[in-house]
């Protein structure tokens, strides 16, 4: 191999070794998922008045950025409801078309995670399962 070809190959391999990882970092930083603040939540439900005393009976995950996913059975509509409420779980309205008994069988819901890059921790006790499911359309129905 002539010296010119050898030098060209050496320079090309050196440039690839030095600049390759830098280009990968730049591509990763400009990927579409890097444009979204994380929104990933874990919901738990258990019977009892406070989470510290209730054994979690069900847990689901909900990821809302960049697309809705997770083990929540209605991830797309739950993410839409949370976006409409600005991520404020206390702002979810109770549905007026649901009739629940006045039976007291407390259900505690906890939500921990990150909503649009901000850490959230939420706990709420509902008087029974029906009342829990009536808040929002799908956020607490899992």
N, C-alpha and C. Protein backbone atom coordinates (compact mmCIF):
# COMPACT_ATOMS: atom_id res chain seq x y z
N UNK A 1 0.86 -1.16 0.00
CA UNK A 1 0.00 0.00 0.00
C UNK A 1 0.91 1.23 0.00
N UNK A 2 0.68 2.18 -0.92
CA UNK A 2 1.49 3.39 -0.94
C UNK A 2 1.30 4.19 0.35
N UNK A 3 2.29 5.02 0.66
CA UNK A 3 2.24 5.83 1.88
C UNK A 3 1.03 6.74 1.92
N UNK A 4 0.61 7.30 0.82
CA UNK A 4 -0.54 8.22 0.79
C UNK A 4 -1.81 7.48 1.21
N UNK A 5 -2.02 6.30 0.69
CA UNK A 5 -3.21 5.51 1.04
C UNK A 5 -3.17 5.09 2.50
N UNK A 6 -1.98 4.74 3.00
CA UNK A 6 -1.83 4.34 4.39
C UNK A 6 -2.17 5.51 5.31
N UNK A 7 -1.65 6.71 4.98
CA UNK A 7 -1.94 7.89 5.79
C UNK A 7 -3.43 8.24 5.74
N UNK A 8 -4.02 8.12 4.60
CA UNK A 8 -5.45 8.43 4.46
C UNK A 8 -6.29 7.47 5.32
N UNK A 9 -5.93 6.19 5.29
CA UNK A 9 -6.64 5.21 6.11
C UNK A 9 -6.44 5.48 7.59
N UNK A 10 -5.23 5.84 7.99
CA UNK A 10 -4.93 6.13 9.39
C UNK A 10 -5.70 7.36 9.87
N UNK A 11 -5.72 8.40 9.07
CA UNK A 11 -6.44 9.63 9.45
C UNK A 11 -7.94 9.36 9.53
N UNK A 12 -8.47 8.58 8.58
CA UNK A 12 -9.91 8.26 8.59
C UNK A 12 -10.28 7.46 9.84
N UNK A 13 -9.49 6.44 10.18
CA UNK A 13 -9.77 5.64 11.37
C UNK A 13 -9.63 6.45 12.65
N UNK A 14 -8.64 7.33 12.71
CA UNK A 14 -8.45 8.18 13.89
C UNK A 14 -9.62 9.14 14.04
N UNK A 15 -10.03 9.76 12.94
CA UNK A 15 -11.16 10.69 13.00
C UNK A 15 -12.43 9.98 13.42
N UNK A 16 -12.63 8.76 12.92
CA UNK A 16 -13.82 7.99 13.30
C UNK A 16 -13.79 7.63 14.78
N UNK A 17 -12.62 7.24 15.27
CA UNK A 17 -12.50 6.86 16.68
C UNK A 17 -12.70 8.05 17.61
N UNK A 18 -12.21 9.23 17.21
CA UNK A 18 -12.30 10.42 18.06
C UNK A 18 -13.66 11.08 17.93
N UNK A 19 -14.14 11.26 16.72
CA UNK A 19 -15.38 12.01 16.49
C UNK A 19 -16.64 11.15 16.55
N UNK A 20 -16.51 9.84 16.38
CA UNK A 20 -17.68 8.96 16.38
C UNK A 20 -18.51 9.07 17.65
N UNK A 21 -17.89 8.93 18.83
CA UNK A 21 -18.68 9.07 20.06
C UNK A 21 -19.29 10.45 20.23
N UNK A 22 -18.62 11.48 19.76
CA UNK A 22 -19.17 12.84 19.86
C UNK A 22 -20.39 12.99 18.98
N UNK A 23 -20.36 12.42 17.80
CA UNK A 23 -21.51 12.49 16.90
C UNK A 23 -22.69 11.73 17.49
N UNK A 24 -22.42 10.60 18.12
CA UNK A 24 -23.49 9.82 18.75
C UNK A 24 -24.16 10.59 19.87
N UNK A 25 -23.38 11.33 20.65
CA UNK A 25 -23.93 12.15 21.72
C UNK A 25 -24.80 13.26 21.16
N UNK A 26 -24.32 13.88 20.08
CA UNK A 26 -25.09 14.95 19.47
C UNK A 26 -26.40 14.43 18.90
N UNK A 27 -26.37 13.26 18.29
CA UNK A 27 -27.59 12.68 17.76
C UNK A 27 -28.56 12.30 18.87
N UNK A 28 -28.05 11.77 19.96
CA UNK A 28 -28.91 11.39 21.08
C UNK A 28 -29.55 12.62 21.71
N UNK A 29 -28.79 13.70 21.81
CA UNK A 29 -29.32 14.92 22.41
C UNK A 29 -30.39 15.56 21.55
N UNK A 30 -30.34 15.32 20.24
CA UNK A 30 -31.32 15.93 19.35
C UNK A 30 -32.46 14.98 19.00
N UNK A 31 -32.52 13.82 19.66
CA UNK A 31 -33.60 12.88 19.38
C UNK A 31 -34.92 13.43 19.89
N UNK A 32 -36.04 13.04 19.29
CA UNK A 32 -37.35 13.57 19.69
C UNK A 32 -37.68 13.33 21.15
N UNK A 33 -37.24 12.21 21.74
CA UNK A 33 -37.59 11.93 23.14
C UNK A 33 -36.89 12.88 24.09
N UNK A 34 -35.77 13.48 23.68
CA UNK A 34 -35.06 14.41 24.55
C UNK A 34 -35.78 15.75 24.64
N UNK A 35 -36.78 15.97 23.78
CA UNK A 35 -37.51 17.23 23.77
C UNK A 35 -38.62 17.28 24.81
N UNK A 36 -38.93 16.16 25.42
CA UNK A 36 -40.05 16.08 26.35
C UNK A 36 -39.56 15.92 27.77
N UNK A 37 -40.19 16.67 28.68
CA UNK A 37 -39.90 16.46 30.09
C UNK A 37 -40.54 15.14 30.49
N UNK A 38 -39.89 14.36 31.34
CA UNK A 38 -40.45 13.05 31.69
C UNK A 38 -41.77 13.16 32.44
N UNK A 39 -42.67 12.26 32.13
CA UNK A 39 -43.95 12.13 32.83
C UNK A 39 -44.19 10.64 33.03
N UNK A 40 -43.79 10.15 34.17
CA UNK A 40 -43.89 8.73 34.47
C UNK A 40 -44.39 8.57 35.90
N UNK A 41 -45.51 7.87 36.05
CA UNK A 41 -46.16 7.74 37.35
C UNK A 41 -46.42 6.29 37.70
N UNK A 42 -46.43 6.00 39.00
CA UNK A 42 -46.81 4.68 39.51
C UNK A 42 -48.02 4.89 40.41
N UNK A 43 -49.11 4.21 40.08
CA UNK A 43 -50.35 4.27 40.85
C UNK A 43 -50.48 2.99 41.67
N UNK A 44 -50.86 3.11 42.94
CA UNK A 44 -51.17 1.93 43.75
C UNK A 44 -52.54 2.12 44.39
N UNK A 45 -53.20 1.01 44.64
CA UNK A 45 -54.50 1.02 45.31
C UNK A 45 -54.50 -0.06 46.37
N UNK A 46 -55.10 0.26 47.51
CA UNK A 46 -55.24 -0.71 48.59
C UNK A 46 -56.42 -0.34 49.46
N UNK A 47 -56.92 -1.29 50.22
CA UNK A 47 -58.02 -1.02 51.14
C UNK A 47 -57.47 -0.58 52.48
N UNK A 48 -58.00 0.51 52.98
CA UNK A 48 -57.57 1.08 54.25
C UNK A 48 -57.74 2.58 54.21
N UNK A 49 -57.48 3.21 55.33
CA UNK A 49 -57.68 4.66 55.41
C UNK A 49 -56.44 5.46 55.06
N UNK A 50 -55.25 4.90 55.30
CA UNK A 50 -54.02 5.59 54.92
C UNK A 50 -53.08 4.57 54.27
N UNK A 51 -52.22 5.08 53.41
CA UNK A 51 -51.33 4.20 52.65
C UNK A 51 -50.39 3.42 53.56
N UNK A 52 -49.98 4.02 54.67
CA UNK A 52 -49.04 3.35 55.57
C UNK A 52 -49.63 2.09 56.18
N UNK A 53 -50.95 2.04 56.30
CA UNK A 53 -51.60 0.87 56.90
C UNK A 53 -52.23 -0.06 55.86
N UNK A 54 -52.38 0.41 54.63
CA UNK A 54 -53.02 -0.39 53.59
C UNK A 54 -51.99 -1.19 52.82
N UNK A 55 -52.32 -2.43 52.55
CA UNK A 55 -51.46 -3.26 51.71
C UNK A 55 -51.82 -2.99 50.26
N UNK A 56 -50.85 -2.59 49.44
CA UNK A 56 -51.17 -2.35 48.03
C UNK A 56 -51.71 -3.62 47.38
N UNK A 57 -52.87 -3.49 46.74
CA UNK A 57 -53.50 -4.62 46.09
C UNK A 57 -53.31 -4.59 44.58
N UNK A 58 -53.06 -3.42 44.07
CA UNK A 58 -52.87 -3.27 42.62
C UNK A 58 -51.94 -2.10 42.38
N UNK A 59 -51.09 -2.23 41.39
CA UNK A 59 -50.18 -1.16 40.99
C UNK A 59 -50.09 -1.13 39.47
N UNK A 60 -50.11 0.06 38.90
CA UNK A 60 -49.95 0.23 37.46
C UNK A 60 -48.99 1.38 37.21
N UNK A 61 -48.40 1.36 36.03
CA UNK A 61 -47.51 2.45 35.62
C UNK A 61 -48.17 3.23 34.50
N UNK A 62 -47.82 4.50 34.41
CA UNK A 62 -48.35 5.36 33.36
C UNK A 62 -47.24 6.30 32.91
N UNK A 63 -46.88 6.21 31.65
CA UNK A 63 -45.89 7.10 31.05
C UNK A 63 -46.62 7.94 30.01
N UNK A 64 -46.44 9.26 30.08
CA UNK A 64 -47.20 10.14 29.17
C UNK A 64 -46.32 10.91 28.19
N UNK A 65 -45.03 10.79 28.22
CA UNK A 65 -44.19 11.53 27.29
C UNK A 65 -43.11 10.62 26.74
N UNK A 66 -42.89 10.59 25.49
CA UNK A 66 -43.54 11.37 24.43
C UNK A 66 -44.88 10.78 23.99
N UNK A 67 -45.13 9.50 24.26
CA UNK A 67 -46.44 8.92 23.96
C UNK A 67 -46.94 8.18 25.20
N UNK A 68 -48.24 7.93 25.21
CA UNK A 68 -48.84 7.24 26.35
C UNK A 68 -48.49 5.76 26.31
N UNK A 69 -48.06 5.24 27.46
CA UNK A 69 -47.72 3.82 27.57
C UNK A 69 -47.75 3.42 29.03
N UNK A 70 -47.43 2.18 29.30
CA UNK A 70 -47.41 1.67 30.67
C UNK A 70 -48.41 0.55 30.84
N UNK A 71 -48.58 0.10 32.09
CA UNK A 71 -49.51 -0.99 32.35
C UNK A 71 -50.91 -0.50 32.69
N UNK A 72 -51.12 0.79 32.73
CA UNK A 72 -52.46 1.35 32.96
C UNK A 72 -53.36 0.89 31.81
N UNK A 73 -54.56 0.36 32.11
CA UNK A 73 -55.40 -0.19 31.05
C UNK A 73 -55.92 0.85 30.06
N UNK A 74 -55.95 2.11 30.41
CA UNK A 74 -56.41 3.17 29.50
C UNK A 74 -55.39 4.30 29.49
N UNK A 75 -54.18 3.98 29.11
CA UNK A 75 -53.06 4.93 29.20
C UNK A 75 -53.30 6.20 28.38
N UNK A 76 -53.81 6.07 27.18
CA UNK A 76 -53.99 7.23 26.30
C UNK A 76 -54.98 8.22 26.91
N UNK A 77 -56.15 7.74 27.33
CA UNK A 77 -57.15 8.66 27.89
C UNK A 77 -56.74 9.16 29.27
N UNK A 78 -56.04 8.36 30.06
CA UNK A 78 -55.57 8.81 31.37
C UNK A 78 -54.55 9.94 31.21
N UNK A 79 -53.66 9.82 30.25
CA UNK A 79 -52.69 10.89 30.00
C UNK A 79 -53.39 12.16 29.52
N UNK A 80 -54.41 11.99 28.67
CA UNK A 80 -55.16 13.15 28.19
C UNK A 80 -55.87 13.86 29.35
N UNK A 81 -56.45 13.10 30.26
CA UNK A 81 -57.11 13.70 31.43
C UNK A 81 -56.11 14.44 32.31
N UNK A 82 -54.97 13.83 32.53
CA UNK A 82 -53.95 14.48 33.37
C UNK A 82 -53.43 15.75 32.72
N UNK A 83 -53.24 15.73 31.40
CA UNK A 83 -52.80 16.95 30.70
C UNK A 83 -53.85 18.04 30.85
N UNK A 84 -55.13 17.69 30.71
CA UNK A 84 -56.22 18.67 30.83
C UNK A 84 -56.27 19.27 32.24
N UNK A 85 -55.89 18.47 33.24
CA UNK A 85 -55.89 18.95 34.63
C UNK A 85 -54.56 19.59 35.01
N UNK A 86 -53.66 19.70 34.06
CA UNK A 86 -52.34 20.27 34.35
C UNK A 86 -51.51 19.40 35.27
N UNK A 87 -51.80 18.10 35.29
CA UNK A 87 -51.06 17.18 36.14
C UNK A 87 -51.50 17.21 37.60
N UNK A 88 -52.52 18.01 37.92
CA UNK A 88 -53.02 18.13 39.29
C UNK A 88 -54.10 17.08 39.53
N UNK A 89 -53.76 16.05 40.28
CA UNK A 89 -54.70 14.96 40.53
C UNK A 89 -55.89 15.42 41.37
N UNK A 90 -55.72 16.46 42.18
CA UNK A 90 -56.83 17.00 42.96
C UNK A 90 -57.84 17.75 42.08
N UNK A 91 -57.43 18.14 40.89
CA UNK A 91 -58.31 18.89 40.00
C UNK A 91 -59.19 17.99 39.14
N UNK A 92 -58.99 16.68 39.23
CA UNK A 92 -59.84 15.77 38.44
C UNK A 92 -61.27 15.84 38.98
N UNK A 93 -62.23 16.13 38.12
CA UNK A 93 -63.61 16.26 38.59
C UNK A 93 -64.27 14.89 38.81
N UNK A 94 -65.21 14.85 39.73
CA UNK A 94 -66.01 13.63 39.94
C UNK A 94 -67.08 13.60 38.85
N UNK A 95 -67.29 12.43 38.27
CA UNK A 95 -68.31 12.30 37.23
C UNK A 95 -69.69 12.36 37.89
N UNK A 96 -70.60 13.07 37.26
CA UNK A 96 -71.95 13.20 37.82
C UNK A 96 -72.88 12.09 37.36
N UNK A 97 -72.47 11.30 36.38
CA UNK A 97 -73.33 10.24 35.87
C UNK A 97 -73.15 8.91 36.59
N UNK A 98 -72.36 8.89 37.67
CA UNK A 98 -72.11 7.66 38.42
C UNK A 98 -72.84 7.74 39.75
N UNK A 99 -73.58 6.69 40.05
CA UNK A 99 -74.27 6.61 41.33
C UNK A 99 -73.58 5.56 42.19
N UNK A 100 -73.11 5.96 43.36
CA UNK A 100 -72.40 5.06 44.26
C UNK A 100 -73.17 4.91 45.56
N UNK A 101 -73.01 3.77 46.19
CA UNK A 101 -73.63 3.56 47.51
C UNK A 101 -72.84 4.35 48.55
N UNK A 102 -73.41 4.48 49.71
CA UNK A 102 -72.73 5.19 50.80
C UNK A 102 -71.98 4.23 51.71
N UNK A 103 -71.75 3.05 51.23
CA UNK A 103 -71.01 2.05 51.98
C UNK A 103 -69.60 2.58 52.25
N UNK A 104 -69.14 2.40 53.49
CA UNK A 104 -67.79 2.85 53.83
C UNK A 104 -66.84 1.65 53.82
N UNK A 105 -66.08 1.57 52.77
CA UNK A 105 -65.05 0.54 52.60
C UNK A 105 -63.86 1.27 51.99
N UNK A 106 -63.08 1.99 52.83
CA UNK A 106 -62.09 2.93 52.31
C UNK A 106 -61.05 2.31 51.38
N UNK A 107 -60.75 3.06 50.33
CA UNK A 107 -59.76 2.68 49.33
C UNK A 107 -58.77 3.84 49.25
N UNK A 108 -57.51 3.51 49.44
CA UNK A 108 -56.48 4.55 49.38
C UNK A 108 -55.70 4.40 48.08
N UNK A 109 -55.47 5.54 47.44
CA UNK A 109 -54.73 5.59 46.18
C UNK A 109 -53.47 6.41 46.41
N UNK A 110 -52.34 5.91 45.92
CA UNK A 110 -51.11 6.70 45.95
C UNK A 110 -50.59 6.82 44.53
N UNK A 111 -49.99 7.96 44.26
CA UNK A 111 -49.36 8.21 42.97
C UNK A 111 -48.01 8.83 43.26
N UNK A 112 -46.98 8.20 42.74
CA UNK A 112 -45.62 8.72 42.90
C UNK A 112 -44.94 8.72 41.55
N UNK A 113 -44.13 9.74 41.33
CA UNK A 113 -43.38 9.79 40.08
C UNK A 113 -43.04 11.20 39.68
N UNK A 114 -43.00 11.41 38.38
CA UNK A 114 -42.62 12.69 37.81
C UNK A 114 -43.67 13.08 36.78
N UNK A 115 -44.14 14.32 36.86
CA UNK A 115 -45.07 14.84 35.86
C UNK A 115 -44.43 16.06 35.24
N UNK A 116 -44.15 16.00 33.96
CA UNK A 116 -43.49 17.05 33.19
C UNK A 116 -42.24 17.56 33.90
N UNK A 117 -41.45 16.62 34.38
CA UNK A 117 -40.17 16.94 34.99
C UNK A 117 -40.22 17.31 36.46
N UNK A 118 -41.40 17.40 37.05
CA UNK A 118 -41.54 17.76 38.47
C UNK A 118 -41.99 16.55 39.28
N UNK A 119 -41.35 16.33 40.39
CA UNK A 119 -41.66 15.20 41.27
C UNK A 119 -43.01 15.42 41.92
N UNK A 120 -43.85 14.37 41.92
CA UNK A 120 -45.13 14.45 42.61
C UNK A 120 -45.32 13.23 43.50
N UNK A 121 -46.03 13.45 44.58
CA UNK A 121 -46.40 12.39 45.49
C UNK A 121 -47.82 12.71 45.96
N UNK A 122 -48.74 11.78 45.77
CA UNK A 122 -50.16 12.02 46.01
C UNK A 122 -50.73 10.84 46.77
N UNK A 123 -51.58 11.15 47.73
CA UNK A 123 -52.30 10.11 48.46
C UNK A 123 -53.71 10.62 48.71
N UNK A 124 -54.70 9.76 48.45
CA UNK A 124 -56.08 10.15 48.69
C UNK A 124 -56.88 8.92 49.08
N UNK A 125 -57.74 9.09 50.06
CA UNK A 125 -58.62 8.01 50.50
C UNK A 125 -60.03 8.29 50.01
N UNK A 126 -60.60 7.33 49.32
CA UNK A 126 -61.98 7.41 48.83
C UNK A 126 -62.84 6.52 49.72
N UNK A 127 -64.11 6.85 49.85
CA UNK A 127 -64.97 6.08 50.75
C UNK A 127 -65.21 4.65 50.28
N UNK A 128 -65.16 4.41 48.97
CA UNK A 128 -65.26 3.05 48.43
C UNK A 128 -64.75 3.02 47.00
N UNK A 129 -64.71 1.84 46.43
CA UNK A 129 -64.16 1.65 45.08
C UNK A 129 -64.94 2.42 44.02
N UNK A 130 -66.25 2.46 44.15
CA UNK A 130 -67.09 3.17 43.19
C UNK A 130 -66.75 4.66 43.17
N UNK A 131 -66.60 5.25 44.34
CA UNK A 131 -66.27 6.67 44.42
C UNK A 131 -64.89 6.92 43.79
N UNK A 132 -63.95 6.04 44.06
CA UNK A 132 -62.61 6.17 43.47
C UNK A 132 -62.70 6.17 41.95
N UNK A 133 -63.45 5.25 41.40
CA UNK A 133 -63.57 5.13 39.95
C UNK A 133 -64.33 6.29 39.31
N UNK A 134 -65.08 7.04 40.10
CA UNK A 134 -65.87 8.14 39.55
C UNK A 134 -65.05 9.42 39.34
N UNK A 135 -63.84 9.48 39.87
CA UNK A 135 -63.01 10.67 39.70
C UNK A 135 -62.25 10.57 38.38
N UNK A 136 -62.45 11.58 37.55
CA UNK A 136 -61.90 11.51 36.21
C UNK A 136 -62.67 10.46 35.44
N UNK A 137 -62.29 10.24 34.24
CA UNK A 137 -62.96 9.19 33.47
C UNK A 137 -62.19 7.89 33.56
N UNK A 138 -60.86 7.99 33.49
CA UNK A 138 -60.07 6.75 33.46
C UNK A 138 -58.83 6.76 34.35
N UNK A 139 -58.44 7.89 34.90
CA UNK A 139 -57.18 7.98 35.63
C UNK A 139 -57.14 6.96 36.77
N UNK A 140 -58.19 6.88 37.58
CA UNK A 140 -58.18 5.99 38.73
C UNK A 140 -58.89 4.65 38.48
N UNK A 141 -59.31 4.38 37.26
CA UNK A 141 -59.98 3.11 36.96
C UNK A 141 -58.97 2.12 36.41
N UNK A 142 -58.37 1.38 37.31
CA UNK A 142 -57.42 0.35 36.92
C UNK A 142 -57.55 -0.84 37.84
